[in-house]
C-alpha atoms as a PDB file:
ATOM      1  CA  MET A   1      74.423  92.110  78.084  1.00  0.00           C
ATOM      2  CA  SER A   2      76.978  89.479  77.695  1.00  0.00           C
ATOM      3  CA  PRO A   3      80.209  89.955  76.030  1.00  0.00           C
ATOM      4  CA  ARG A   4      80.615  88.060  72.625  1.00  0.00           C
ATOM      5  CA  GLY A   5      84.313  87.454  72.573  1.00  0.00           C
ATOM      6  CA  PRO A   6      87.061  89.935  72.346  1.00  0.00           C
ATOM      7  CA  LEU A   7      85.871  91.530  69.062  1.00  0.00           C
ATOM      8  CA  GLU A   8      82.736  92.186  67.371  1.00  0.00           C
ATOM      9  CA  GLY A   9      83.093  90.967  63.781  1.00  0.00           C
ATOM     10  CA  ARG A  10      86.508  91.946  63.029  1.00  0.00           C
ATOM     11  CA  GLY A  11      86.208  95.347  64.367  1.00  0.00           C
ATOM     12  CA  ALA A  12      88.959  96.193  67.104  1.00  0.00           C
ATOM     13  CA  GLY A  13      91.619  93.752  65.457  1.00  0.00           C
ATOM     14  CA  ASN A  14      91.602  96.198  62.562  1.00  0.00           C
ATOM     15  CA  GLY A  15      91.284  99.301  64.497  1.00  0.00           C
ATOM     16  CA  ARG A  16      87.990  99.791  64.282  1.00  0.00           C
ATOM     17  CA  ARG A  17      85.695 100.548  67.303  1.00  0.00           C
ATOM     18  CA  PRO A  18      85.282  97.805  69.436  1.00  0.00           C
ATOM     19  CA  ALA A  19      81.821  96.512  70.603  1.00  0.00           C
ATOM     20  CA  ALA A  20      79.688  99.307  72.035  1.00  0.00           C
ATOM     21  CA  HIS A  21      79.599  97.057  75.461  1.00  0.00           C
ATOM     22  CA  TRP A  22      83.201  97.983  76.114  1.00  0.00           C
ATOM     23  CA  GLY A  23      82.350 101.497  76.730  1.00  0.00           C
ATOM     24  CA  GLU A  24      83.340 104.935  75.315  1.00  0.00           C
ATOM     25  CA  PRO A  25      86.943 106.039  74.863  1.00  0.00           C
ATOM     26  CA  HIS A  26      88.221 108.059  77.617  1.00  0.00           C
ATOM     27  CA  PRO A  27      91.868 109.039  79.402  1.00  0.00           C
ATOM     28  CA  LEU A  28      90.902 106.430  81.839  1.00  0.00           C
ATOM     29  CA  HIS A  29      88.795 104.259  80.000  1.00  0.00           C
ATOM     30  CA  ASP A  30      90.475 102.260  76.872  1.00  0.00           C
ATOM     31  CA  PRO A  31      87.517  99.904  75.035  1.00  0.00           C
ATOM     32  CA  TRP A  32      90.600  98.270  72.482  1.00  0.00           C
ATOM     33  CA  ILE A  33      92.418  97.142  75.721  1.00  0.00           C
ATOM     34  CA  LEU A  34      89.177  95.619  77.176  1.00  0.00           C
ATOM     35  CA  ALA A  35      88.240  94.017  74.146  1.00  0.00           C
ATOM     36  CA  ASN A  36      91.493  92.439  73.367  1.00  0.00           C
ATOM     37  CA  PHE A  37      92.822  91.493  76.761  1.00  0.00           C
ATOM     38  CA  GLN A  38      93.510  87.764  77.163  1.00  0.00           C
ATOM     39  CA  ALA A  39      92.829  86.748  80.731  1.00  0.00           C
ATOM     40  CA  ARG A  40      94.567  83.646  82.485  1.00  0.00           C
ATOM     41  CA  PRO A  41      93.082  81.860  85.060  1.00  0.00           C
ATOM     42  CA  THR A  42      95.959  82.773  87.439  1.00  0.00           C
ATOM     43  CA  ASP A  43      95.105  86.483  87.269  1.00  0.00           C
ATOM     44  CA  VAL A  44      93.354  88.424  89.829  1.00  0.00           C
ATOM     45  CA  LEU A  45      91.212  91.426  88.865  1.00  0.00           C
ATOM     46  CA  ILE A  46      90.384  93.898  91.710  1.00  0.00           C
ATOM     47  CA  THR A  47      87.235  95.679  90.312  1.00  0.00           C
ATOM     48  CA  THR A  48      85.646  98.306  92.494  1.00  0.00           C
ATOM     49  CA  ALA A  49      83.727 101.428  91.860  1.00  0.00           C
ATOM     50  CA  PRO A  50      85.825 104.698  92.662  1.00  0.00           C
ATOM     51  CA  LYS A  51      86.887 105.464  96.071  1.00  0.00           C
ATOM     52  CA  ALA A  52      85.724 101.877  97.438  1.00  0.00           C
ATOM     53  CA  GLY A  53      88.888 100.804  98.565  1.00  0.00           C
ATOM     54  CA  THR A  54      90.795 100.077  95.114  1.00  0.00           C
ATOM     55  CA  THR A  55      94.215 101.206  96.012  1.00  0.00           C
ATOM     56  CA  TRP A  56      93.977  99.451  99.430  1.00  0.00           C
ATOM     57  CA  MET A  57      93.301  96.295  97.648  1.00  0.00           C
ATOM     58  CA  GLN A  58      95.852  96.848  95.275  1.00  0.00           C
ATOM     59  CA  GLN A  59      98.451  97.195  98.002  1.00  0.00           C
ATOM     60  CA  ILE A  60      97.020  94.058  99.868  1.00  0.00           C
ATOM     61  CA  LEU A  61      96.878  91.698  96.879  1.00  0.00           C
ATOM     62  CA  HIS A  62     100.493  92.752  95.882  1.00  0.00           C
ATOM     63  CA  GLN A  63     101.750  92.282  99.166  1.00  0.00           C
ATOM     64  CA  LEU A  64     100.109  88.601  99.806  1.00  0.00           C
ATOM     65  CA  ARG A  65     101.372  88.041  96.620  1.00  0.00           C
ATOM     66  CA  THR A  66     105.120  88.632  97.547  1.00  0.00           C
ATOM     67  CA  GLY A  67     104.952  88.235 101.040  1.00  0.00           C
ATOM     68  CA  GLY A  68     105.817  91.841 101.963  1.00  0.00           C
ATOM     69  CA  ASP A  69     107.679  94.037  99.557  1.00  0.00           C
ATOM     70  CA  PRO A  70     108.360  97.767 100.270  1.00  0.00           C
ATOM     71  CA  ALA A  71     110.679  98.140  97.458  1.00  0.00           C
ATOM     72  CA  PHE A  72     108.183  98.871  94.761  1.00  0.00           C
ATOM     73  CA  GLU A  73     108.409 102.595  93.263  1.00  0.00           C
ATOM     74  CA  ASP A  74     104.461 103.023  92.127  1.00  0.00           C
ATOM     75  CA  ILE A  75     101.691 100.805  92.782  1.00  0.00           C
ATOM     76  CA  ASP A  76     100.424 100.892  89.239  1.00  0.00           C
ATOM     77  CA  GLN A  77     103.754  99.469  87.992  1.00  0.00           C
ATOM     78  CA  VAL A  78     103.157  96.229  89.912  1.00  0.00           C
ATOM     79  CA  VAL A  79      99.429  96.385  89.600  1.00  0.00           C
ATOM     80  CA  PRO A  80      98.282  98.166  86.696  1.00  0.00           C
ATOM     81  CA  TRP A  81      95.036 100.019  86.024  1.00  0.00           C
ATOM     82  CA  LEU A  82      93.923  97.301  83.179  1.00  0.00           C
ATOM     83  CA  GLU A  83      91.954  99.778  81.150  1.00  0.00           C
ATOM     84  CA  ARG A  84      93.399 103.383  81.637  1.00  0.00           C
ATOM     85  CA  GLN A  85      94.998 104.745  78.390  1.00  0.00           C
ATOM     86  CA  ARG A  86      98.853 104.988  78.258  1.00  0.00           C
ATOM     87  CA  PRO A  87      99.129 107.907  76.031  1.00  0.00           C
ATOM     88  CA  ALA A  88     102.777 107.075  75.165  1.00  0.00           C
ATOM     89  CA  ARG A  89     101.874 103.793  73.928  1.00  0.00           C
ATOM     90  CA  THR A  90      99.161 102.104  71.601  1.00  0.00           C
ATOM     91  CA  TRP A  91      96.662  99.679  73.379  1.00  0.00           C
ATOM     92  CA  ARG A  92      98.597  97.049  71.483  1.00  0.00           C
ATOM     93  CA  GLU A  93     101.885  98.022  73.205  1.00  0.00           C
ATOM     94  CA  VAL A  94      99.956  97.972  76.364  1.00  0.00           C
ATOM     95  CA  LEU A  95      98.634  94.497  75.736  1.00  0.00           C
ATOM     96  CA  ALA A  96     102.177  93.149  74.804  1.00  0.00           C
ATOM     97  CA  ASP A  97     103.410  94.550  78.019  1.00  0.00           C
ATOM     98  CA  LEU A  98     101.009  92.859  80.168  1.00  0.00           C
ATOM     99  CA  GLU A  99     101.230  89.407  78.109  1.00  0.00           C
ATOM    100  CA  ARG A 100     104.661  89.576  79.399  1.00  0.00           C
ATOM    101  CA  ARG A 101     103.847  89.514  83.275  1.00  0.00           C
ATOM    102  CA  PRO A 102     104.689  86.757  85.162  1.00  0.00           C
ATOM    103  CA  ASP A 103     101.660  85.011  86.979  1.00  0.00           C
ATOM    104  CA  PRO A 104      99.995  85.641  88.854  1.00  0.00           C
ATOM    105  CA  ARG A 105      99.135  88.893  87.272  1.00  0.00           C
ATOM    106  CA  LEU A 106      96.998  91.390  89.408  1.00  0.00           C
ATOM    107  CA  PHE A 107      94.965  94.162  87.692  1.00  0.00           C
ATOM    108  CA  LYS A 108      92.749  96.987  89.080  1.00  0.00           C
ATOM    109  CA  THR A 109      89.583  97.829  87.002  1.00  0.00           C
ATOM    110  CA  HIS A 110      86.439  99.925  87.421  1.00  0.00           C
ATOM    111  CA  CYS A 111      84.474  97.976  84.843  1.00  0.00           C
ATOM    112  CA  THR A 112      81.082  96.901  85.371  1.00  0.00           C
ATOM    113  CA  TRP A 113      80.155  93.086  85.089  1.00  0.00           C
ATOM    114  CA  GLU A 114      79.379  93.476  81.456  1.00  0.00           C
ATOM    115  CA  GLN A 115      82.722  95.182  80.562  1.00  0.00           C
ATOM    116  CA  THR A 116      85.031  92.933  82.507  1.00  0.00           C
ATOM    117  CA  PRO A 117      87.094  90.847  80.226  1.00  0.00           C
ATOM    118  CA  GLY A 118      87.937  87.279  81.251  1.00  0.00           C
ATOM    119  CA  ARG A 119      85.308  87.445  84.180  1.00  0.00           C
ATOM    120  CA  ASP A 120      84.615  84.027  83.554  1.00  0.00           C
ATOM    121  CA  ILE A 121      88.210  82.937  83.685  1.00  0.00           C
ATOM    122  CA  ALA A 122      90.238  85.159  86.216  1.00  0.00           C
ATOM    123  CA  ARG A 123      89.367  85.415  89.634  1.00  0.00           C
ATOM    124  CA  ILE A 124      87.631  88.886  90.945  1.00  0.00           C
ATOM    125  CA  VAL A 125      88.166  90.533  94.128  1.00  0.00           C
ATOM    126  CA  LEU A 126      85.293  92.913  94.636  1.00  0.00           C
ATOM    127  CA  THR A 127      85.307  95.377  97.312  1.00  0.00           C
ATOM    128  CA  VAL A 128      82.000  97.730  98.250  1.00  0.00           C
ATOM    129  CA  ARG A 129      81.635 100.934 100.309  1.00  0.00           C
ATOM    130  CA  ASP A 130      78.927 103.048 101.542  1.00  0.00           C
ATOM    131  CA  PRO A 131      78.022 105.452  98.771  1.00  0.00           C
ATOM    132  CA  ARG A 132      78.039 108.146 100.987  1.00  0.00           C
ATOM    133  CA  ASP A 133      81.425 107.801 101.957  1.00  0.00           C
ATOM    134  CA  CYS A 134      82.765 107.202  98.276  1.00  0.00           C
ATOM    135  CA  CYS A 135      80.931 110.188  96.819  1.00  0.00           C
ATOM    136  CA  VAL A 136      82.655 112.614  99.821  1.00  0.00           C
ATOM    137  CA  SER A 137      86.047 110.839  99.036  1.00  0.00           C
ATOM    138  CA  PHE A 138      85.959 111.482  95.557  1.00  0.00           C
ATOM    139  CA  TYR A 139      84.936 115.039  96.210  1.00  0.00           C
ATOM    140  CA  HIS A 140      88.496 115.373  97.948  1.00  0.00           C
ATOM    141  CA  HIS A 141      89.942 113.301  95.283  1.00  0.00           C
ATOM    142  CA  LEU A 142      89.463 115.920  92.948  1.00  0.00           C
ATOM    143  CA  TRP A 143      90.711 118.594  95.039  1.00  0.00           C
ATOM    144  CA  ASP A 144      93.979 116.796  95.967  1.00  0.00           C
ATOM    145  CA  MET A 145      94.420 116.316  91.984  1.00  0.00           C
ATOM    146  CA  SER A 146      97.120 118.234  90.548  1.00  0.00           C
ATOM    147  CA  ASP A 147      96.372 120.585  87.635  1.00  0.00           C
ATOM    148  CA  SER A 148      98.210 118.862  84.989  1.00  0.00           C
ATOM    149  CA  ALA A 149      96.438 115.728  85.988  1.00  0.00           C
ATOM    150  CA  LEU A 150      93.092 117.382  86.035  1.00  0.00           C
ATOM    151  CA  ALA A 151      93.424 118.750  82.475  1.00  0.00           C
ATOM    152  CA  GLN A 152      95.162 115.210  81.073  1.00  0.00           C
ATOM    153  CA  HIS A 153      92.101 113.104  82.500  1.00  0.00           C
ATOM    154  CA  GLY A 154      89.340 115.684  81.402  1.00  0.00           C
ATOM    155  CA  LEU A 155      88.197 116.483  85.048  1.00  0.00           C
ATOM    156  CA  GLU A 156      87.735 119.681  86.911  1.00  0.00           C
ATOM    157  CA  ARG A 157      87.368 120.690  90.537  1.00  0.00           C
ATOM    158  CA  PRO A 158      83.807 121.086  91.697  1.00  0.00           C
ATOM    159  CA  GLN A 159      83.097 124.646  92.884  1.00  0.00           C
ATOM    160  CA  THR A 160      80.815 123.271  95.815  1.00  0.00           C
ATOM    161  CA  LEU A 161      79.481 120.073  97.275  1.00  0.00           C
ATOM    162  CA  ASP A 162      76.383 120.500  95.846  1.00  0.00           C
ATOM    163  CA  ALA A 163      77.840 120.753  92.346  1.00  0.00           C
ATOM    164  CA  HIS A 164      80.251 117.469  93.058  1.00  0.00           C
ATOM    165  CA  LEU A 165      77.161 115.888  94.308  1.00  0.00           C
ATOM    166  CA  ASP A 166      74.798 116.474  91.502  1.00  0.00           C
ATOM    167  CA  ALA A 167      77.651 115.555  88.834  1.00  0.00           C
ATOM    168  CA  TRP A 168      78.391 112.452  91.285  1.00  0.00           C
ATOM    169  CA  LEU A 169      75.071 111.198  90.642  1.00  0.00           C
ATOM    170  CA  ALA A 170      74.654 112.040  87.135  1.00  0.00           C
ATOM    171  CA  PHE A 171      77.590 110.059  86.047  1.00  0.00           C
ATOM    172  CA  GLY A 172      76.420 107.090  88.317  1.00  0.00           C
ATOM    173  CA  ALA A 173      79.750 105.310  88.539  1.00  0.00           C
ATOM    174  CA  TRP A 174      78.758 103.593  91.977  1.00  0.00           C
ATOM    175  CA  PHE A 175      75.299 102.430  91.337  1.00  0.00           C
ATOM    176  CA  ARG A 176      76.409 101.136  87.947  1.00  0.00           C
ATOM    177  CA  ASN A 177      79.270  98.986  89.467  1.00  0.00           C
ATOM    178  CA  VAL A 178      77.411  97.476  92.601  1.00  0.00           C
ATOM    179  CA  ALA A 179      74.316  96.893  90.727  1.00  0.00           C
ATOM    180  CA  SER A 180      75.984  95.009  87.918  1.00  0.00           C
ATOM    181  CA  TRP A 181      77.967  92.715  90.469  1.00  0.00           C
ATOM    182  CA  TRP A 182      75.471  92.073  92.841  1.00  0.00           C
ATOM    183  CA  PRO A 183      73.533  89.162  91.031  1.00  0.00           C
ATOM    184  CA  HIS A 184      76.707  87.520  90.511  1.00  0.00           C
ATOM    185  CA  ARG A 185      78.157  87.855  93.875  1.00  0.00           C
ATOM    186  CA  HIS A 186      77.897  84.065  94.685  1.00  0.00           C
ATOM    187  CA  ARG A 187      79.895  82.913  91.706  1.00  0.00           C
ATOM    188  CA  SER A 188      83.004  80.625  92.870  1.00  0.00           C
ATOM    189  CA  ASN A 189      85.604  82.850  91.242  1.00  0.00           C
ATOM    190  CA  LEU A 190      84.230  86.118  93.022  1.00  0.00           C
ATOM    191  CA  LEU A 191      84.914  87.382  96.448  1.00  0.00           C
ATOM    192  CA  MET A 192      83.100  90.081  97.635  1.00  0.00           C
ATOM    193  CA  LEU A 193      84.178  92.099 100.763  1.00  0.00           C
ATOM    194  CA  ARG A 194      82.866  95.171 102.513  1.00  0.00           C
ATOM    195  CA  TYR A 195      85.273  98.123 102.758  1.00  0.00           C
ATOM    196  CA  ALA A 196      83.769  98.299 106.780  1.00  0.00           C
ATOM    197  CA  ASP A 197      84.957  94.793 107.241  1.00  0.00           C
ATOM    198  CA  LEU A 198      88.552  95.036 106.073  1.00  0.00           C
ATOM    199  CA  LYS A 199      88.468  98.055 108.529  1.00  0.00           C
ATOM    200  CA  ALA A 200      87.519  96.215 111.284  1.00  0.00           C
ATOM    201  CA  ASP A 201      89.579  93.055 110.921  1.00  0.00           C
ATOM    202  CA  LEU A 202      92.291  93.485 108.171  1.00  0.00           C
ATOM    203  CA  ARG A 203      94.005  90.191 109.178  1.00  0.00           C
ATOM    204  CA  GLY A 204      90.868  88.133 109.104  1.00  0.00           C
ATOM    205  CA  ALA A 205      90.480  89.843 105.596  1.00  0.00           C
ATOM    206  CA  MET A 206      93.762  89.109 104.250  1.00  0.00           C
ATOM    207  CA  LEU A 207      93.279  85.202 105.427  1.00  0.00           C
ATOM    208  CA  GLN A 208      90.352  85.009 103.567  1.00  0.00           C
ATOM    209  CA  ILE A 209      91.632  86.817 100.528  1.00  0.00           C
ATOM    210  CA  ALA A 210      94.382  84.445 100.343  1.00  0.00           C
ATOM    211  CA  GLY A 211      92.344  81.085 100.951  1.00  0.00           C
ATOM    212  CA  PHE A 212      90.196  82.081  97.993  1.00  0.00           C
ATOM    213  CA  LEU A 213      93.133  82.653  95.920  1.00  0.00           C
ATOM    214  CA  GLY A 214      94.951  79.400  96.852  1.00  0.00           C
ATOM    215  CA  TRP A 215      98.026  81.438  97.851  1.00  0.00           C
ATOM    216  CA  SER A 216     100.145  80.026 100.644  1.00  0.00           C
ATOM    217  CA  VAL A 217     101.074  82.525 103.049  1.00  0.00           C
ATOM    218  CA  PRO A 218     103.299  81.729 105.978  1.00  0.00           C
ATOM    219  CA  PRO A 219     103.008  83.443 109.092  1.00  0.00           C
ATOM    220  CA  GLU A 220     105.917  85.564 109.053  1.00  0.00           C
ATOM    221  CA  ALA A 221     104.972  86.615 105.251  1.00  0.00           C
ATOM    222  CA  LEU A 222     101.496  87.557 106.588  1.00  0.00           C
ATOM    223  CA  GLU A 223     102.925  89.827 109.243  1.00  0.00           C
ATOM    224  CA  ARG A 224     105.098  91.474 106.929  1.00  0.00           C
ATOM    225  CA  ALA A 225     102.051  91.836 104.156  1.00  0.00           C
ATOM    226  CA  LEU A 226      99.598  93.538 107.187  1.00  0.00           C
ATOM    227  CA  HIS A 227     102.486  95.922 107.949  1.00  0.00           C
ATOM    228  CA  TYR A 228     102.778  97.035 104.365  1.00  0.00           C
ATOM    229  CA  ALA A 229      99.162  97.218 103.912  1.00  0.00           C
ATOM    230  CA  SER A 230      98.279  99.200 106.911  1.00  0.00           C
ATOM    231  CA  PHE A 231      97.054 102.717 106.603  1.00  0.00           C
ATOM    232  CA  THR A 232      99.815 103.935 108.868  1.00  0.00           C
ATOM    233  CA  TRP A 233     102.622 102.581 106.222  1.00  0.00           C
ATOM    234  CA  MET A 234     100.745 103.498 103.266  1.00  0.00           C
ATOM    235  CA  LYS A 235     100.366 107.082 104.462  1.00  0.00           C
ATOM    236  CA  ALA A 236     103.952 107.582 105.209  1.00  0.00           C
ATOM    237  CA  ASN A 237     104.647 106.572 101.684  1.00  0.00           C
ATOM    238  CA  SER A 238     101.628 108.086  99.799  1.00  0.00           C
ATOM    239  CA  ASP A 239     104.306 108.907  96.937  1.00  0.00           C
ATOM    240  CA  ARG A 240     103.903 105.258  95.862  1.00  0.00           C
ATOM    241  CA  PHE A 241     100.227 105.727  95.296  1.00  0.00           C
ATOM    242  CA  VAL A 242      99.598 109.031  93.696  1.00  0.00           C
ATOM    243  CA  GLY A 243      99.898 107.660  90.045  1.00  0.00           C
ATOM    244  CA  ARG A 244     101.612 109.236  87.491  1.00  0.00           C
ATOM    245  CA  ASN A 245     100.572 111.578  84.402  1.00  0.00           C
ATOM    246  CA  ALA A 246     101.812 110.971  80.997  1.00  0.00           C
ATOM    247  CA  ASP A 247     105.005 113.086  81.664  1.00  0.00           C
ATOM    248  CA  GLY A 248     105.862 110.963  85.008  1.00  0.00           C
ATOM    249  CA  SER A 249     104.567 113.629  87.193  1.00  0.00           C
ATOM    250  CA  PRO A 250     102.319 112.943  90.309  1.00  0.00           C
ATOM    251  CA  MET A 251      98.884 112.957  89.390  1.00  0.00           C
ATOM    252  CA  PHE A 252      98.342 114.413  93.198  1.00  0.00           C
ATOM    253  CA  ARG A 253      99.685 116.889  95.492  1.00  0.00           C
ATOM    254  CA  PRO A 254     102.351 115.715  97.992  1.00  0.00           C
ATOM    255  CA  GLY A 255     100.294 113.725 100.827  1.00  0.00           C
ATOM    256  CA  GLY A 256      97.052 114.164  99.033  1.00  0.00           C
ATOM    257  CA  PHE A 257      96.102 110.754  98.005  1.00  0.00           C
ATOM    258  CA  ILE A 258      96.043 108.681 101.105  1.00  0.00           C
ATOM    259  CA  ARG A 259      93.794 110.749 102.978  1.00  0.00           C
ATOM    260  CA  LYS A 260      91.853 109.361 105.792  1.00  0.00           C
ATOM    261  CA  GLY A 261      90.670 105.901 104.917  1.00  0.00           C
ATOM    262  CA  GLN A 262      87.693 106.091 107.614  1.00  0.00           C
ATOM    263  CA  THR A 263      84.094 104.677 107.361  1.00  0.00           C
ATOM    264  CA  GLY A 264      81.091 106.992 108.271  1.00  0.00           C
ATOM    265  CA  ASP A 265      83.663 110.170 107.005  1.00  0.00           C
ATOM    266  CA  HIS A 266      80.521 111.540 105.087  1.00  0.00           C
ATOM    267  CA  LYS A 267      78.535 112.230 108.364  1.00  0.00           C
ATOM    268  CA  ALA A 268      81.201 115.220 108.534  1.00  0.00           C
ATOM    269  CA  LEU A 269      80.298 116.962 105.539  1.00  0.00           C
ATOM    270  CA  LEU A 270      76.904 115.865 103.851  1.00  0.00           C
ATOM    271  CA  SER A 271      73.952 117.739 104.794  1.00  0.00           C
ATOM    272  CA  PRO A 272      70.997 115.393 105.606  1.00  0.00           C
ATOM    273  CA  GLU A 273      69.518 116.683 102.166  1.00  0.00           C
ATOM    274  CA  GLN A 274      72.564 115.410 100.699  1.00  0.00           C
ATOM    275  CA  GLU A 275      72.491 112.267 102.037  1.00  0.00           C
ATOM    276  CA  ALA A 276      68.626 111.616 101.459  1.00  0.00           C
ATOM    277  CA  ARG A 277      69.546 112.132  97.936  1.00  0.00           C
ATOM    278  CA  ILE A 278      72.156 109.386  97.864  1.00  0.00           C
ATOM    279  CA  LEU A 279      70.002 106.596  99.733  1.00  0.00           C
ATOM    280  CA  ARG A 280      66.893 107.440  97.416  1.00  0.00           C
ATOM    281  CA  ARG A 281      68.936 106.952  94.617  1.00  0.00           C
ATOM    282  CA  CYS A 282      70.225 103.411  96.060  1.00  0.00           C
ATOM    283  CA  ARG A 283      66.543 102.570  97.283  1.00  0.00           C
ATOM    284  CA  ASP A 284      65.496 103.097  93.393  1.00  0.00           C
ATOM    285  CA  GLU A 285      68.376 101.281  91.961  1.00  0.00           C
ATOM    286  CA  LEU A 286      69.282  98.372  94.229  1.00  0.00           C
ATOM    287  CA  PRO A 287      67.473  95.587  95.535  1.00  0.00           C
ATOM    288  CA  PRO A 288      66.652  95.643  99.426  1.00  0.00           C
ATOM    289  CA  ASP A 289      69.240  92.590 100.130  1.00  0.00           C
ATOM    290  CA  CYS A 290      72.136  94.565  98.279  1.00  0.00           C
ATOM    291  CA  LEU A 291      70.934  97.771 100.605  1.00  0.00           C
ATOM    292  CA  ALA A 292      71.222  95.351 104.162  1.00  0.00           C
ATOM    293  CA  TYR A 293      74.629  93.826 103.133  1.00  0.00           C
ATOM    294  CA  LEU A 294      75.835  97.707 102.828  1.00  0.00           C
ATOM    295  CA  ASP A 295      74.021  98.469 106.039  1.00  0.00           C
ATOM    296  CA  LEU A 296      72.342 101.291 104.440  1.00  0.00           C
ATOM    297  CA  PRO A 297      69.275 102.793 105.739  1.00  0.00           C
ATOM    298  CA  GLY A 298      65.787 101.457 104.370  1.00  0.00           C
ATOM    299  CA  SER A 299      66.685  98.303 103.578  1.00  0.00           C
ATOM    300  CA  GLY A 300      63.927  96.163 105.589  1.00  0.00           C
ATOM    301  CA  GLU A 301      66.027  92.918 105.197  1.00  0.00           C
ATOM    302  CA  PRO A 302      68.857  91.178 107.128  1.00  0.00           C
ATOM    303  CA  ARG A 303      72.465  90.875 105.313  1.00  0.00           C
ATOM    304  CA  THR A 304      72.865  88.162 103.213  1.00  0.00           C
END
């Protein structure tokens, strides 16, 4: 499906429901914001499936943009989550605030290709991560959230890992995200990066990102950006990345959000049967070249 402009007919502009492709309203997804957002060529959209390196990429891009900034209070203030509802403000007020931000604006989003506003205008940095690690990371994510955050966002802690896996597969966000973006990976305004490659060579990845965006980052600024984008610094300053509820309280327990950031962490938790369920779904919904790119078993093709 291809978006037909910001509105379907006159809908969202009159407060009516935006076109169906913008998605359903949820505390973490506001279709009115998406339907009416006006992208700029200087904008950068960080798009990922949940737990695929989103917050890390927010920090990487903010540090590259500033040449090293340790003074921000909350990552969402400097790199906002585009489609998230802001209960104290209407969607029009949210968009007015975003419009006042100076270039280059940075946003995070978990939207699919079909739901991303300005996908032909803005530049897009897409990170992809092993779905087994994303599943396990989201399990810990739910357990580390505060009770108030769970209630405000319509979420609940899973009673067992099996129950979590059932819900994670049923919701299918990882599969929708990757399947929607994969056919567009060679577009000139899109840079796709593997989470594992960021872990293996952060300096090289940050240079690649800066080159893609056309940002000049002097060597001393790059060193500062590398330091502040390191797992060690982010873990020591985890209160900057926990997000905030509508009342300003942290969404996560102290030290809970920045956990390990490892690759292959699923091996310590998933049983062979649980892992097989995830991989079977991958083979059912993704082409072999995508599986090979992600180094998932059963692809049978070289990475492209």
